[in-house]
Amino acid sequence: MTGHGERGVSIGGSANVSGQIATGDNVTQNQQINAGPAPDVAEALANVERLLEAHAAELDEPGRARRDLADIREEAESGDADPERMEGALVRLGRRVAGVAVLTEAVQQLAVTAGIG
């Protein structure tokens, strides 16, 4: 900064700025980093989980379906979700619940909400 009344930020050279920058009197900055999945993804996960429990008797492999859902949840809650891992688990889960329409729809909605489908 040059001069007393002049305000601003000048970044030159080969600087790579990826964070927050602020100038002025009494400036405050807040950065919120959310842990866990977005609320809509969390809601879609909870919906599939509820439906899995409600329709477990109609599934051939409810335990494996739960593990697939757990894999999806683990990735969604990580700070660095692996889309390929999520997609694989979603495909497996979709196959396991294919005989129950309401579950199939819920898994498809989860995929769309998570940005995989």
PDB file of N, CA and C in Angstrom:
ATOM      1  N   MET A   1       0.844  -1.175   0.000  1.00  0.00           N
ATOM      2  CA  MET A   1       0.000   0.000   0.000  1.00  0.00           C
ATOM      3  C   MET A   1       0.885   1.231   0.000  1.00  0.00           C
ATOM      4  N   THR A   2       0.479   2.186  -0.757  1.00  0.00           N
ATOM      5  CA  THR A   2       1.235   3.435  -0.795  1.00  0.00           C
ATOM      6  C   THR A   2       0.328   4.567  -0.371  1.00  0.00           C
ATOM      7  N   GLY A   3       0.864   5.505   0.315  1.00  0.00           N
ATOM      8  CA  GLY A   3       0.080   6.665   0.737  1.00  0.00           C
ATOM      9  C   GLY A   3      -0.891   6.316   1.859  1.00  0.00           C
ATOM     10  N   HIS A   4      -1.157   7.297   2.705  1.00  0.00           N
ATOM     11  CA  HIS A   4      -1.993   7.063   3.875  1.00  0.00           C
ATOM     12  C   HIS A   4      -3.463   6.858   3.518  1.00  0.00           C
ATOM     13  N   GLY A   5      -4.021   7.616   2.590  1.00  0.00           N
ATOM     14  CA  GLY A   5      -5.437   7.534   2.269  1.00  0.00           C
ATOM     15  C   GLY A   5      -5.769   6.491   1.206  1.00  0.00           C
ATOM     16  N   GLU A   6      -4.764   5.925   0.623  1.00  0.00           N
ATOM     17  CA  GLU A   6      -4.984   4.963  -0.454  1.00  0.00           C
ATOM     18  C   GLU A   6      -5.135   3.558   0.130  1.00  0.00           C
ATOM     19  N   ARG A   7      -6.160   2.878  -0.310  1.00  0.00           N
ATOM     20  CA  ARG A   7      -6.378   1.521   0.182  1.00  0.00           C
ATOM     21  C   ARG A   7      -6.478   0.583  -1.008  1.00  0.00           C
ATOM     22  N   GLY A   8      -5.963  -0.593  -0.811  1.00  0.00           N
ATOM     23  CA  GLY A   8      -6.042  -1.570  -1.870  1.00  0.00           C
ATOM     24  C   GLY A   8      -4.985  -2.635  -1.692  1.00  0.00           C
ATOM     25  N   VAL A   9      -5.056  -3.585  -2.553  1.00  0.00           N
ATOM     26  CA  VAL A   9      -4.099  -4.672  -2.520  1.00  0.00           C
ATOM     27  C   VAL A   9      -3.505  -4.786  -3.906  1.00  0.00           C
ATOM     28  N   SER A  10      -2.206  -4.836  -3.958  1.00  0.00           N
ATOM     29  CA  SER A  10      -1.523  -5.020  -5.225  1.00  0.00           C
ATOM     30  C   SER A  10      -0.684  -6.282  -5.116  1.00  0.00           C
ATOM     31  N   ILE A  11      -0.983  -7.255  -5.966  1.00  0.00           N
ATOM     32  CA  ILE A  11      -0.241  -8.510  -5.956  1.00  0.00           C
ATOM     33  C   ILE A  11       0.408  -8.649  -7.322  1.00  0.00           C
ATOM     34  N   GLY A  12       1.685  -8.798  -7.320  1.00  0.00           N
ATOM     35  CA  GLY A  12       2.392  -8.868  -8.593  1.00  0.00           C
ATOM     36  C   GLY A  12       3.246 -10.117  -8.690  1.00  0.00           C
ATOM     37  N   GLY A  13       4.011 -10.157  -9.730  1.00  0.00           N
ATOM     38  CA  GLY A  13       4.890 -11.301  -9.934  1.00  0.00           C
ATOM     39  C   GLY A  13       4.095 -12.541 -10.286  1.00  0.00           C
ATOM     40  N   SER A  14       4.572 -13.650  -9.830  1.00  0.00           N
ATOM     41  CA  SER A  14       3.887 -14.909 -10.136  1.00  0.00           C
ATOM     42  C   SER A  14       3.154 -15.426  -8.902  1.00  0.00           C
ATOM     43  N   ALA A  15       2.578 -14.501  -8.139  1.00  0.00           N
ATOM     44  CA  ALA A  15       1.866 -14.879  -6.914  1.00  0.00           C
ATOM     45  C   ALA A  15       0.621 -15.690  -7.245  1.00  0.00           C
ATOM     46  N   ASN A  16       0.364 -16.652  -6.421  1.00  0.00           N
ATOM     47  CA  ASN A  16      -0.838 -17.469  -6.545  1.00  0.00           C
ATOM     48  C   ASN A  16      -1.646 -17.275  -5.267  1.00  0.00           C
ATOM     49  N   VAL A  17      -2.711 -16.531  -5.350  1.00  0.00           N
ATOM     50  CA  VAL A  17      -3.523 -16.227  -4.182  1.00  0.00           C
ATOM     51  C   VAL A  17      -4.790 -17.062  -4.232  1.00  0.00           C
ATOM     52  N   SER A  18      -4.983 -17.880  -3.211  1.00  0.00           N
ATOM     53  CA  SER A  18      -6.185 -18.711  -3.198  1.00  0.00           C
ATOM     54  C   SER A  18      -6.989 -18.526  -1.923  1.00  0.00           C
ATOM     55  N   GLY A  19      -6.588 -17.622  -1.076  1.00  0.00           N
ATOM     56  CA  GLY A  19      -7.310 -17.395   0.167  1.00  0.00           C
ATOM     57  C   GLY A  19      -8.032 -16.065   0.151  1.00  0.00           C
ATOM     58  N   GLN A  20      -8.514 -15.682   1.307  1.00  0.00           N
ATOM     59  CA  GLN A  20      -9.263 -14.443   1.434  1.00  0.00           C
ATOM     60  C   GLN A  20      -8.318 -13.259   1.547  1.00  0.00           C
ATOM     61  N   ILE A  21      -8.755 -12.124   1.018  1.00  0.00           N
ATOM     62  CA  ILE A  21      -7.999 -10.879   1.125  1.00  0.00           C
ATOM     63  C   ILE A  21      -8.995  -9.775   1.450  1.00  0.00           C
ATOM     64  N   ALA A  22      -8.645  -8.918   2.408  1.00  0.00           N
ATOM     65  CA  ALA A  22      -9.517  -7.796   2.747  1.00  0.00           C
ATOM     66  C   ALA A  22      -8.651  -6.608   3.144  1.00  0.00           C
ATOM     67  N   THR A  23      -9.162  -5.416   2.902  1.00  0.00           N
ATOM     68  CA  THR A  23      -8.457  -4.207   3.318  1.00  0.00           C
ATOM     69  C   THR A  23      -9.458  -3.269   3.978  1.00  0.00           C
ATOM     70  N   GLY A  24      -8.954  -2.325   4.733  1.00  0.00           N
ATOM     71  CA  GLY A  24      -9.821  -1.315   5.322  1.00  0.00           C
ATOM     72  C   GLY A  24      -9.737  -1.320   6.831  1.00  0.00           C
ATOM     73  N   ASP A  25     -10.428  -0.344   7.427  1.00  0.00           N
ATOM     74  CA  ASP A  25     -10.454  -0.244   8.881  1.00  0.00           C
ATOM     75  C   ASP A  25     -11.413  -1.272   9.458  1.00  0.00           C
ATOM     76  N   ASN A  26     -11.009  -1.887  10.534  1.00  0.00           N
ATOM     77  CA  ASN A  26     -11.853  -2.832  11.273  1.00  0.00           C
ATOM     78  C   ASN A  26     -12.415  -3.958  10.396  1.00  0.00           C
ATOM     79  N   VAL A  27     -11.606  -4.469   9.523  1.00  0.00           N
ATOM     80  CA  VAL A  27     -12.041  -5.546   8.632  1.00  0.00           C
ATOM     81  C   VAL A  27     -12.003  -6.869   9.377  1.00  0.00           C
ATOM     82  N   THR A  28     -13.052  -7.627   9.222  1.00  0.00           N
ATOM     83  CA  THR A  28     -13.058  -8.993   9.746  1.00  0.00           C
ATOM     84  C   THR A  28     -13.454  -9.928   8.616  1.00  0.00           C
ATOM     85  N   GLN A  29     -12.969 -11.134   8.694  1.00  0.00           N
ATOM     86  CA  GLN A  29     -13.306 -12.135   7.699  1.00  0.00           C
ATOM     87  C   GLN A  29     -13.705 -13.410   8.420  1.00  0.00           C
ATOM     88  N   ASN A  30     -14.671 -14.073   7.869  1.00  0.00           N
ATOM     89  CA  ASN A  30     -15.104 -15.355   8.405  1.00  0.00           C
ATOM     90  C   ASN A  30     -15.091 -16.367   7.280  1.00  0.00           C
ATOM     91  N   GLN A  31     -14.512 -17.495   7.564  1.00  0.00           N
ATOM     92  CA  GLN A  31     -14.515 -18.578   6.592  1.00  0.00           C
ATOM     93  C   GLN A  31     -15.120 -19.784   7.275  1.00  0.00           C
ATOM     94  N   GLN A  32     -16.108 -20.351   6.633  1.00  0.00           N
ATOM     95  CA  GLN A  32     -16.769 -21.512   7.204  1.00  0.00           C
ATOM     96  C   GLN A  32     -16.427 -22.720   6.355  1.00  0.00           C
ATOM     97  N   ILE A  33     -15.879 -23.718   7.000  1.00  0.00           N
ATOM     98  CA  ILE A  33     -15.580 -24.973   6.318  1.00  0.00           C
ATOM     99  C   ILE A  33     -16.507 -26.013   6.926  1.00  0.00           C
ATOM    100  N   ASN A  34     -17.403 -26.514   6.103  1.00  0.00           N
ATOM    101  CA  ASN A  34     -18.375 -27.479   6.591  1.00  0.00           C
ATOM    102  C   ASN A  34     -17.796 -28.877   6.548  1.00  0.00           C
ATOM    103  N   ALA A  35     -17.915 -29.570   7.663  1.00  0.00           N
ATOM    104  CA  ALA A  35     -17.521 -30.969   7.700  1.00  0.00           C
ATOM    105  C   ALA A  35     -18.760 -31.800   7.421  1.00  0.00           C
ATOM    106  N   GLY A  36     -18.579 -32.856   6.681  1.00  0.00           N
ATOM    107  CA  GLY A  36     -19.706 -33.729   6.370  1.00  0.00           C
ATOM    108  C   GLY A  36     -20.370 -33.368   5.070  1.00  0.00           C
ATOM    109  N   PRO A  37     -21.315 -34.181   4.686  1.00  0.00           N
ATOM    110  CA  PRO A  37     -21.971 -33.949   3.402  1.00  0.00           C
ATOM    111  C   PRO A  37     -22.893 -32.739   3.451  1.00  0.00           C
ATOM    112  N   ALA A  38     -23.221 -32.214   2.288  1.00  0.00           N
ATOM    113  CA  ALA A  38     -24.186 -31.127   2.201  1.00  0.00           C
ATOM    114  C   ALA A  38     -25.514 -31.614   2.772  1.00  0.00           C
ATOM    115  N   PRO A  39     -26.327 -30.696   3.309  1.00  0.00           N
ATOM    116  CA  PRO A  39     -27.589 -31.118   3.933  1.00  0.00           C
ATOM    117  C   PRO A  39     -28.473 -31.955   3.017  1.00  0.00           C
ATOM    118  N   ASP A  40     -28.535 -31.626   1.733  1.00  0.00           N
ATOM    119  CA  ASP A  40     -29.393 -32.396   0.838  1.00  0.00           C
ATOM    120  C   ASP A  40     -28.847 -33.810   0.625  1.00  0.00           C
ATOM    121  N   VAL A  41     -27.520 -33.975   0.599  1.00  0.00           N
ATOM    122  CA  VAL A  41     -26.930 -35.304   0.474  1.00  0.00           C
ATOM    123  C   VAL A  41     -27.171 -36.090   1.761  1.00  0.00           C
ATOM    124  N   ALA A  42     -26.997 -35.429   2.901  1.00  0.00           N
ATOM    125  CA  ALA A  42     -27.242 -36.095   4.183  1.00  0.00           C
ATOM    126  C   ALA A  42     -28.695 -36.558   4.281  1.00  0.00           C
ATOM    127  N   GLU A  43     -29.605 -35.728   3.805  1.00  0.00           N
ATOM    128  CA  GLU A  43     -31.026 -36.086   3.824  1.00  0.00           C
ATOM    129  C   GLU A  43     -31.307 -37.278   2.906  1.00  0.00           C
ATOM    130  N   ALA A  44     -30.692 -37.281   1.727  1.00  0.00           N
ATOM    131  CA  ALA A  44     -30.874 -38.396   0.784  1.00  0.00           C
ATOM    132  C   ALA A  44     -30.294 -39.689   1.360  1.00  0.00           C
ATOM    133  N   LEU A  45     -29.146 -39.594   2.029  1.00  0.00           N
ATOM    134  CA  LEU A  45     -28.557 -40.771   2.686  1.00  0.00           C
ATOM    135  C   LEU A  45     -29.486 -41.302   3.771  1.00  0.00           C
ATOM    136  N   ALA A  46     -30.018 -40.404   4.583  1.00  0.00           N
ATOM    137  CA  ALA A  46     -30.930 -40.805   5.658  1.00  0.00           C
ATOM    138  C   ALA A  46     -32.192 -41.444   5.095  1.00  0.00           C
ATOM    139  N   ASN A  47     -32.689 -40.926   3.987  1.00  0.00           N
ATOM    140  CA  ASN A  47     -33.882 -41.480   3.365  1.00  0.00           C
ATOM    141  C   ASN A  47     -33.629 -42.910   2.887  1.00  0.00           C
ATOM    142  N   VAL A  48     -32.500 -43.132   2.208  1.00  0.00           N
ATOM    143  CA  VAL A  48     -32.173 -44.485   1.752  1.00  0.00           C
ATOM    144  C   VAL A  48     -32.012 -45.411   2.949  1.00  0.00           C
ATOM    145  N   GLU A  49     -31.368 -44.930   3.995  1.00  0.00           N
ATOM    146  CA  GLU A  49     -31.174 -45.751   5.195  1.00  0.00           C
ATOM    147  C   GLU A  49     -32.520 -46.150   5.818  1.00  0.00           C
ATOM    148  N   ARG A  50     -33.440 -45.211   5.927  1.00  0.00           N
ATOM    149  CA  ARG A  50     -34.777 -45.512   6.474  1.00  0.00           C
ATOM    150  C   ARG A  50     -35.492 -46.547   5.618  1.00  0.00           C
ATOM    151  N   LEU A  51     -35.426 -46.362   4.307  1.00  0.00           N
ATOM    152  CA  LEU A  51     -36.105 -47.283   3.404  1.00  0.00           C
ATOM    153  C   LEU A  51     -35.454 -48.667   3.407  1.00  0.00           C
ATOM    154  N   LEU A  52     -34.130 -48.710   3.547  1.00  0.00           N
ATOM    155  CA  LEU A  52     -33.453 -50.009   3.652  1.00  0.00           C
ATOM    156  C   LEU A  52     -33.964 -50.779   4.864  1.00  0.00           C
ATOM    157  N   GLU A  53     -34.095 -50.096   5.975  1.00  0.00           N
ATOM    158  CA  GLU A  53     -34.586 -50.757   7.189  1.00  0.00           C
ATOM    159  C   GLU A  53     -36.038 -51.200   7.012  1.00  0.00           C
ATOM    160  N   ALA A  54     -36.851 -50.359   6.412  1.00  0.00           N
ATOM    161  CA  ALA A  54     -38.270 -50.672   6.240  1.00  0.00           C
ATOM    162  C   ALA A  54     -38.500 -51.831   5.271  1.00  0.00           C
ATOM    163  N   HIS A  55     -37.592 -52.001   4.307  1.00  0.00           N
ATOM    164  CA  HIS A  55     -37.791 -53.015   3.260  1.00  0.00           C
ATOM    165  C   HIS A  55     -36.733 -54.111   3.286  1.00  0.00           C
ATOM    166  N   ALA A  56     -36.013 -54.234   4.381  1.00  0.00           N
ATOM    167  CA  ALA A  56     -34.930 -55.224   4.474  1.00  0.00           C
ATOM    168  C   ALA A  56     -35.416 -56.638   4.176  1.00  0.00           C
ATOM    169  N   ALA A  57     -36.605 -56.984   4.615  1.00  0.00           N
ATOM    170  CA  ALA A  57     -37.133 -58.337   4.405  1.00  0.00           C
ATOM    171  C   ALA A  57     -37.375 -58.642   2.927  1.00  0.00           C
ATOM    172  N   GLU A  58     -37.495 -57.604   2.109  1.00  0.00           N
ATOM    173  CA  GLU A  58     -37.747 -57.785   0.681  1.00  0.00           C
ATOM    174  C   GLU A  58     -36.464 -57.902  -0.142  1.00  0.00           C
ATOM    175  N   LEU A  59     -35.322 -57.731   0.503  1.00  0.00           N
ATOM    176  CA  LEU A  59     -34.045 -57.739  -0.195  1.00  0.00           C
ATOM    177  C   LEU A  59     -33.321 -59.066   0.022  1.00  0.00           C
ATOM    178  N   ASP A  60     -32.585 -59.508  -1.000  1.00  0.00           N
ATOM    179  CA  ASP A  60     -31.801 -60.735  -0.878  1.00  0.00           C
ATOM    180  C   ASP A  60     -30.569 -60.536  -0.011  1.00  0.00           C
ATOM    181  N   GLU A  61     -29.970 -59.345  -0.083  1.00  0.00           N
ATOM    182  CA  GLU A  61     -28.731 -59.074   0.640  1.00  0.00           C
ATOM    183  C   GLU A  61     -28.794 -57.734   1.385  1.00  0.00           C
ATOM    184  N   PRO A  62     -29.646 -57.637   2.393  1.00  0.00           N
ATOM    185  CA  PRO A  62     -29.765 -56.344   3.079  1.00  0.00           C
ATOM    186  C   PRO A  62     -28.478 -55.918   3.788  1.00  0.00           C
ATOM    187  N   GLY A  63     -27.716 -56.862   4.301  1.00  0.00           N
ATOM    188  CA  GLY A  63     -26.456 -56.516   4.964  1.00  0.00           C
ATOM    189  C   GLY A  63     -25.457 -55.900   4.005  1.00  0.00           C
ATOM    190  N   ARG A  64     -25.374 -56.471   2.826  1.00  0.00           N
ATOM    191  CA  ARG A  64     -24.452 -55.914   1.826  1.00  0.00           C
ATOM    192  C   ARG A  64     -24.944 -54.561   1.323  1.00  0.00           C
ATOM    193  N   ALA A  65     -26.251 -54.396   1.210  1.00  0.00           N
ATOM    194  CA  ALA A  65     -26.809 -53.102   0.820  1.00  0.00           C
ATOM    195  C   ALA A  65     -26.457 -52.044   1.860  1.00  0.00           C
ATOM    196  N   ARG A  66     -26.524 -52.420   3.134  1.00  0.00           N
ATOM    197  CA  ARG A  66     -26.158 -51.475   4.205  1.00  0.00           C
ATOM    198  C   ARG A  66     -24.681 -51.100   4.113  1.00  0.00           C
ATOM    199  N   ARG A  67     -23.829 -52.079   3.795  1.00  0.00           N
ATOM    200  CA  ARG A  67     -22.393 -51.789   3.666  1.00  0.00           C
ATOM    201  C   ARG A  67     -22.126 -50.863   2.475  1.00  0.00           C
ATOM    202  N   ASP A  68     -22.849 -51.086   1.382  1.00  0.00           N
ATOM    203  CA  ASP A  68     -22.703 -50.184   0.239  1.00  0.00           C
ATOM    204  C   ASP A  68     -23.097 -48.766   0.638  1.00  0.00           C
ATOM    205  N   LEU A  69     -24.204 -48.641   1.356  1.00  0.00           N
ATOM    206  CA  LEU A  69     -24.640 -47.320   1.815  1.00  0.00           C
ATOM    207  C   LEU A  69     -23.605 -46.714   2.760  1.00  0.00           C
ATOM    208  N   ALA A  70     -23.009 -47.533   3.622  1.00  0.00           N
ATOM    209  CA  ALA A  70     -21.968 -47.042   4.533  1.00  0.00           C
ATOM    210  C   ALA A  70     -20.759 -46.524   3.747  1.00  0.00           C
ATOM    211  N   ASP A  71     -20.405 -47.210   2.660  1.00  0.00           N
ATOM    212  CA  ASP A  71     -19.301 -46.733   1.809  1.00  0.00           C
ATOM    213  C   ASP A  71     -19.629 -45.370   1.203  1.00  0.00           C
ATOM    214  N   ILE A  72     -20.858 -45.236   0.734  1.00  0.00           N
ATOM    215  CA  ILE A  72     -21.286 -43.968   0.137  1.00  0.00           C
ATOM    216  C   ILE A  72     -21.239 -42.857   1.186  1.00  0.00           C
ATOM    217  N   ARG A  73     -21.757 -43.154   2.367  1.00  0.00           N
ATOM    218  CA  ARG A  73     -21.770 -42.175   3.456  1.00  0.00           C
ATOM    219  C   ARG A  73     -20.343 -41.771   3.837  1.00  0.00           C
ATOM    220  N   GLU A  74     -19.457 -42.750   3.944  1.00  0.00           N
ATOM    221  CA  GLU A  74     -18.067 -42.473   4.310  1.00  0.00           C
ATOM    222  C   GLU A  74     -17.418 -41.516   3.306  1.00  0.00           C
ATOM    223  N   GLU A  75     -17.628 -41.767   2.033  1.00  0.00           N
ATOM    224  CA  GLU A  75     -17.069 -40.889   1.016  1.00  0.00           C
ATOM    225  C   GLU A  75     -17.707 -39.508   1.064  1.00  0.00           C
ATOM    226  N   ALA A  76     -19.026 -39.463   1.208  1.00  0.00           N
ATOM    227  CA  ALA A  76     -19.733 -38.175   1.235  1.00  0.00           C
ATOM    228  C   ALA A  76     -19.293 -37.330   2.420  1.00  0.00           C
ATOM    229  N   GLU A  77     -18.963 -37.976   3.540  1.00  0.00           N
ATOM    230  CA  GLU A  77     -18.576 -37.252   4.748  1.00  0.00           C
ATOM    231  C   GLU A  77     -17.090 -36.921   4.801  1.00  0.00           C
ATOM    232  N   SER A  78     -16.313 -37.527   3.907  1.00  0.00           N
ATOM    233  CA  SER A  78     -14.879 -37.240   3.901  1.00  0.00           C
ATOM    234  C   SER A  78     -14.654 -35.857   3.307  1.00  0.00           C
ATOM    235  N   GLY A  79     -13.554 -35.298   3.592  1.00  0.00           N
ATOM    236  CA  GLY A  79     -13.234 -33.993   3.016  1.00  0.00           C
ATOM    237  C   GLY A  79     -12.789 -34.086   1.571  1.00  0.00           C
ATOM    238  N   ASP A  80     -12.557 -35.307   1.107  1.00  0.00           N
ATOM    239  CA  ASP A  80     -12.025 -35.515  -0.240  1.00  0.00           C
ATOM    240  C   ASP A  80     -12.734 -36.714  -0.865  1.00  0.00           C
ATOM    241  N   ALA A  81     -14.028 -36.561  -1.149  1.00  0.00           N
ATOM    242  CA  ALA A  81     -14.833 -37.667  -1.671  1.00  0.00           C
ATOM    243  C   ALA A  81     -14.289 -38.165  -3.008  1.00  0.00           C
ATOM    244  N   ASP A  82     -14.243 -39.475  -3.152  1.00  0.00           N
ATOM    245  CA  ASP A  82     -13.780 -40.118  -4.385  1.00  0.00           C
ATOM    246  C   ASP A  82     -15.009 -40.489  -5.215  1.00  0.00           C
ATOM    247  N   PRO A  83     -15.287 -39.747  -6.286  1.00  0.00           N
ATOM    248  CA  PRO A  83     -16.489 -40.000  -7.090  1.00  0.00           C
ATOM    249  C   PRO A  83     -16.545 -41.422  -7.653  1.00  0.00           C
ATOM    250  N   GLU A  84     -15.398 -41.992  -8.010  1.00  0.00           N
ATOM    251  CA  GLU A  84     -15.397 -43.349  -8.551  1.00  0.00           C
ATOM    252  C   GLU A  84     -15.812 -44.367  -7.499  1.00  0.00           C
ATOM    253  N   ARG A  85     -15.324 -44.190  -6.284  1.00  0.00           N
ATOM    254  CA  ARG A  85     -15.700 -45.101  -5.203  1.00  0.00           C
ATOM    255  C   ARG A  85     -17.193 -44.969  -4.890  1.00  0.00           C
ATOM    256  N   MET A  86     -17.669 -43.725  -4.856  1.00  0.00           N
ATOM    257  CA  MET A  86     -19.093 -43.509  -4.605  1.00  0.00           C
ATOM    258  C   MET A  86     -19.936 -44.115  -5.711  1.00  0.00           C
ATOM    259  N   GLU A  87     -19.511 -43.922  -6.953  1.00  0.00           N
ATOM    260  CA  GLU A  87     -20.270 -44.450  -8.077  1.00  0.00           C
ATOM    261  C   GLU A  87     -20.333 -45.978  -8.020  1.00  0.00           C
ATOM    262  N   GLY A  88     -19.217 -46.615  -7.704  1.00  0.00           N
ATOM    263  CA  GLY A  88     -19.198 -48.072  -7.596  1.00  0.00           C
ATOM    264  C   GLY A  88     -20.159 -48.574  -6.534  1.00  0.00           C
ATOM    265  N   ALA A  89     -20.147 -47.919  -5.379  1.00  0.00           N
ATOM    266  CA  ALA A  89     -21.042 -48.311  -4.293  1.00  0.00           C
ATOM    267  C   ALA A  89     -22.499 -48.037  -4.662  1.00  0.00           C
ATOM    268  N   LEU A  90     -22.763 -46.935  -5.352  1.00  0.00           N
ATOM    269  CA  LEU A  90     -24.130 -46.627  -5.783  1.00  0.00           C
ATOM    270  C   LEU A  90     -24.641 -47.644  -6.795  1.00  0.00           C
ATOM    271  N   VAL A  91     -23.773 -48.063  -7.709  1.00  0.00           N
ATOM    272  CA  VAL A  91     -24.171 -49.073  -8.700  1.00  0.00           C
ATOM    273  C   VAL A  91     -24.496 -50.384  -8.000  1.00  0.00           C
ATOM    274  N   ARG A  92     -23.628 -50.806  -7.079  1.00  0.00           N
ATOM    275  CA  ARG A  92     -23.885 -52.048  -6.329  1.00  0.00           C
ATOM    276  C   ARG A  92     -25.176 -51.945  -5.528  1.00  0.00           C
ATOM    277  N   LEU A  93     -25.336 -50.818  -4.831  1.00  0.00           N
ATOM    278  CA  LEU A  93     -26.545 -50.627  -4.026  1.00  0.00           C
ATOM    279  C   LEU A  93     -27.781 -50.648  -4.909  1.00  0.00           C
ATOM    280  N   GLY A  94     -27.706 -49.998  -6.047  1.00  0.00           N
ATOM    281  CA  GLY A  94     -28.830 -49.991  -6.981  1.00  0.00           C
ATOM    282  C   GLY A  94     -29.221 -51.392  -7.426  1.00  0.00           C
ATOM    283  N   ARG A  95     -28.221 -52.239  -7.700  1.00  0.00           N
ATOM    284  CA  ARG A  95     -28.509 -53.630  -8.086  1.00  0.00           C
ATOM    285  C   ARG A  95     -29.159 -54.395  -6.933  1.00  0.00           C
ATOM    286  N   ARG A  96     -28.681 -54.167  -5.733  1.00  0.00           N
ATOM    287  CA  ARG A  96     -29.182 -54.916  -4.573  1.00  0.00           C
ATOM    288  C   ARG A  96     -30.628 -54.548  -4.222  1.00  0.00           C
ATOM    289  N   VAL A  97     -31.048 -53.329  -4.539  1.00  0.00           N
ATOM    290  CA  VAL A  97     -32.396 -52.876  -4.176  1.00  0.00           C
ATOM    291  C   VAL A  97     -33.342 -52.831  -5.374  1.00  0.00           C
ATOM    292  N   ALA A  98     -32.899 -53.329  -6.522  1.00  0.00           N
ATOM    293  CA  ALA A  98     -33.653 -53.199  -7.767  1.00  0.00           C
ATOM    294  C   ALA A  98     -35.070 -53.765  -7.692  1.00  0.00           C
ATOM    295  N   GLY A  99     -35.325 -54.731  -6.840  1.00  0.00           N
ATOM    296  CA  GLY A  99     -36.656 -55.324  -6.749  1.00  0.00           C
ATOM    297  C   GLY A  99     -37.662 -54.503  -5.955  1.00  0.00           C
ATOM    298  N   VAL A 100     -37.219 -53.422  -5.331  1.00  0.00           N
ATOM    299  CA  VAL A 100     -38.095 -52.583  -4.506  1.00  0.00           C
ATOM    300  C   VAL A 100     -38.093 -51.174  -5.111  1.00  0.00           C
ATOM    301  N   ALA A 101     -39.191 -50.840  -5.765  1.00  0.00           N
ATOM    302  CA  ALA A 101     -39.258 -49.582  -6.529  1.00  0.00           C
ATOM    303  C   ALA A 101     -38.928 -48.351  -5.701  1.00  0.00           C
ATOM    304  N   VAL A 102     -39.469 -48.256  -4.497  1.00  0.00           N
ATOM    305  CA  VAL A 102     -39.253 -47.059  -3.690  1.00  0.00           C
ATOM    306  C   VAL A 102     -37.772 -46.919  -3.315  1.00  0.00           C
ATOM    307  N   LEU A 103     -37.096 -48.032  -3.101  1.00  0.00           N
ATOM    308  CA  LEU A 103     -35.663 -47.987  -2.806  1.00  0.00           C
ATOM    309  C   LEU A 103     -34.864 -47.615  -4.054  1.00  0.00           C
ATOM    310  N   THR A 104     -35.259 -48.167  -5.179  1.00  0.00           N
ATOM    311  CA  THR A 104     -34.580 -47.840  -6.436  1.00  0.00           C
ATOM    312  C   THR A 104     -34.657 -46.339  -6.701  1.00  0.00           C
ATOM    313  N   GLU A 105     -35.825 -45.768  -6.509  1.00  0.00           N
ATOM    314  CA  GLU A 105     -35.996 -44.327  -6.705  1.00  0.00           C
ATOM    315  C   GLU A 105     -35.144 -43.529  -5.717  1.00  0.00           C
ATOM    316  N   ALA A 106     -35.098 -43.974  -4.465  1.00  0.00           N
ATOM    317  CA  ALA A 106     -34.324 -43.263  -3.447  1.00  0.00           C
ATOM    318  C   ALA A 106     -32.827 -43.311  -3.760  1.00  0.00           C
ATOM    319  N   VAL A 107     -32.338 -44.453  -4.238  1.00  0.00           N
ATOM    320  CA  VAL A 107     -30.925 -44.579  -4.585  1.00  0.00           C
ATOM    321  C   VAL A 107     -30.621 -43.702  -5.806  1.00  0.00           C
ATOM    322  N   GLN A 108     -31.518 -43.664  -6.777  1.00  0.00           N
ATOM    323  CA  GLN A 108     -31.315 -42.782  -7.932  1.00  0.00           C
ATOM    324  C   GLN A 108     -31.282 -41.316  -7.506  1.00  0.00           C
ATOM    325  N   GLN A 109     -32.161 -40.946  -6.582  1.00  0.00           N
ATOM    326  CA  GLN A 109     -32.180 -39.562  -6.081  1.00  0.00           C
ATOM    327  C   GLN A 109     -30.899 -39.249  -5.327  1.00  0.00           C
ATOM    328  N   LEU A 110     -30.398 -40.204  -4.561  1.00  0.00           N
ATOM    329  CA  LEU A 110     -29.130 -40.016  -3.853  1.00  0.00           C
ATOM    330  C   LEU A 110     -28.005 -39.771  -4.843  1.00  0.00           C
ATOM    331  N   ALA A 111     -27.976 -40.557  -5.909  1.00  0.00           N
ATOM    332  CA  ALA A 111     -26.928 -40.390  -6.930  1.00  0.00           C
ATOM    333  C   ALA A 111     -26.988 -39.000  -7.552  1.00  0.00           C
ATOM    334  N   VAL A 112     -28.177 -38.552  -7.886  1.00  0.00           N
ATOM    335  CA  VAL A 112     -28.340 -37.225  -8.478  1.00  0.00           C
ATOM    336  C   VAL A 112     -27.924 -36.143  -7.470  1.00  0.00           C
ATOM    337  N   THR A 113     -28.383 -36.265  -6.252  1.00  0.00           N
ATOM    338  CA  THR A 113     -28.064 -35.288  -5.210  1.00  0.00           C
ATOM    339  C   THR A 113     -26.572 -35.216  -4.928  1.00  0.00           C
ATOM    340  N   ALA A 114     -25.920 -36.380  -4.968  1.00  0.00           N
ATOM    341  CA  ALA A 114     -24.480 -36.433  -4.707  1.00  0.00           C
ATOM    342  C   ALA A 114     -23.670 -36.040  -5.941  1.00  0.00           C
ATOM    343  N   GLY A 115     -24.348 -35.789  -7.047  1.00  0.00           N
ATOM    344  CA  GLY A 115     -23.663 -35.393  -8.270  1.00  0.00           C
ATOM    345  C   GLY A 115     -23.010 -36.538  -9.000  1.00  0.00           C
ATOM    346  N   ILE A 116     -23.497 -37.756  -8.761  1.00  0.00           N
ATOM    347  CA  ILE A 116     -22.921 -38.939  -9.403  1.00  0.00           C
ATOM    348  C   ILE A 116     -23.812 -39.418 -10.542  1.00  0.00           C
ATOM    349  N   GLY A 117     -25.103 -39.209 -10.412  1.00  0.00           N
ATOM    350  CA  GLY A 117     -26.034 -39.760 -11.393  1.00  0.00           C
ATOM    351  C   GLY A 117     -26.402 -38.843 -12.506  1.00  0.00           C
TER     352      GLY A 117
END
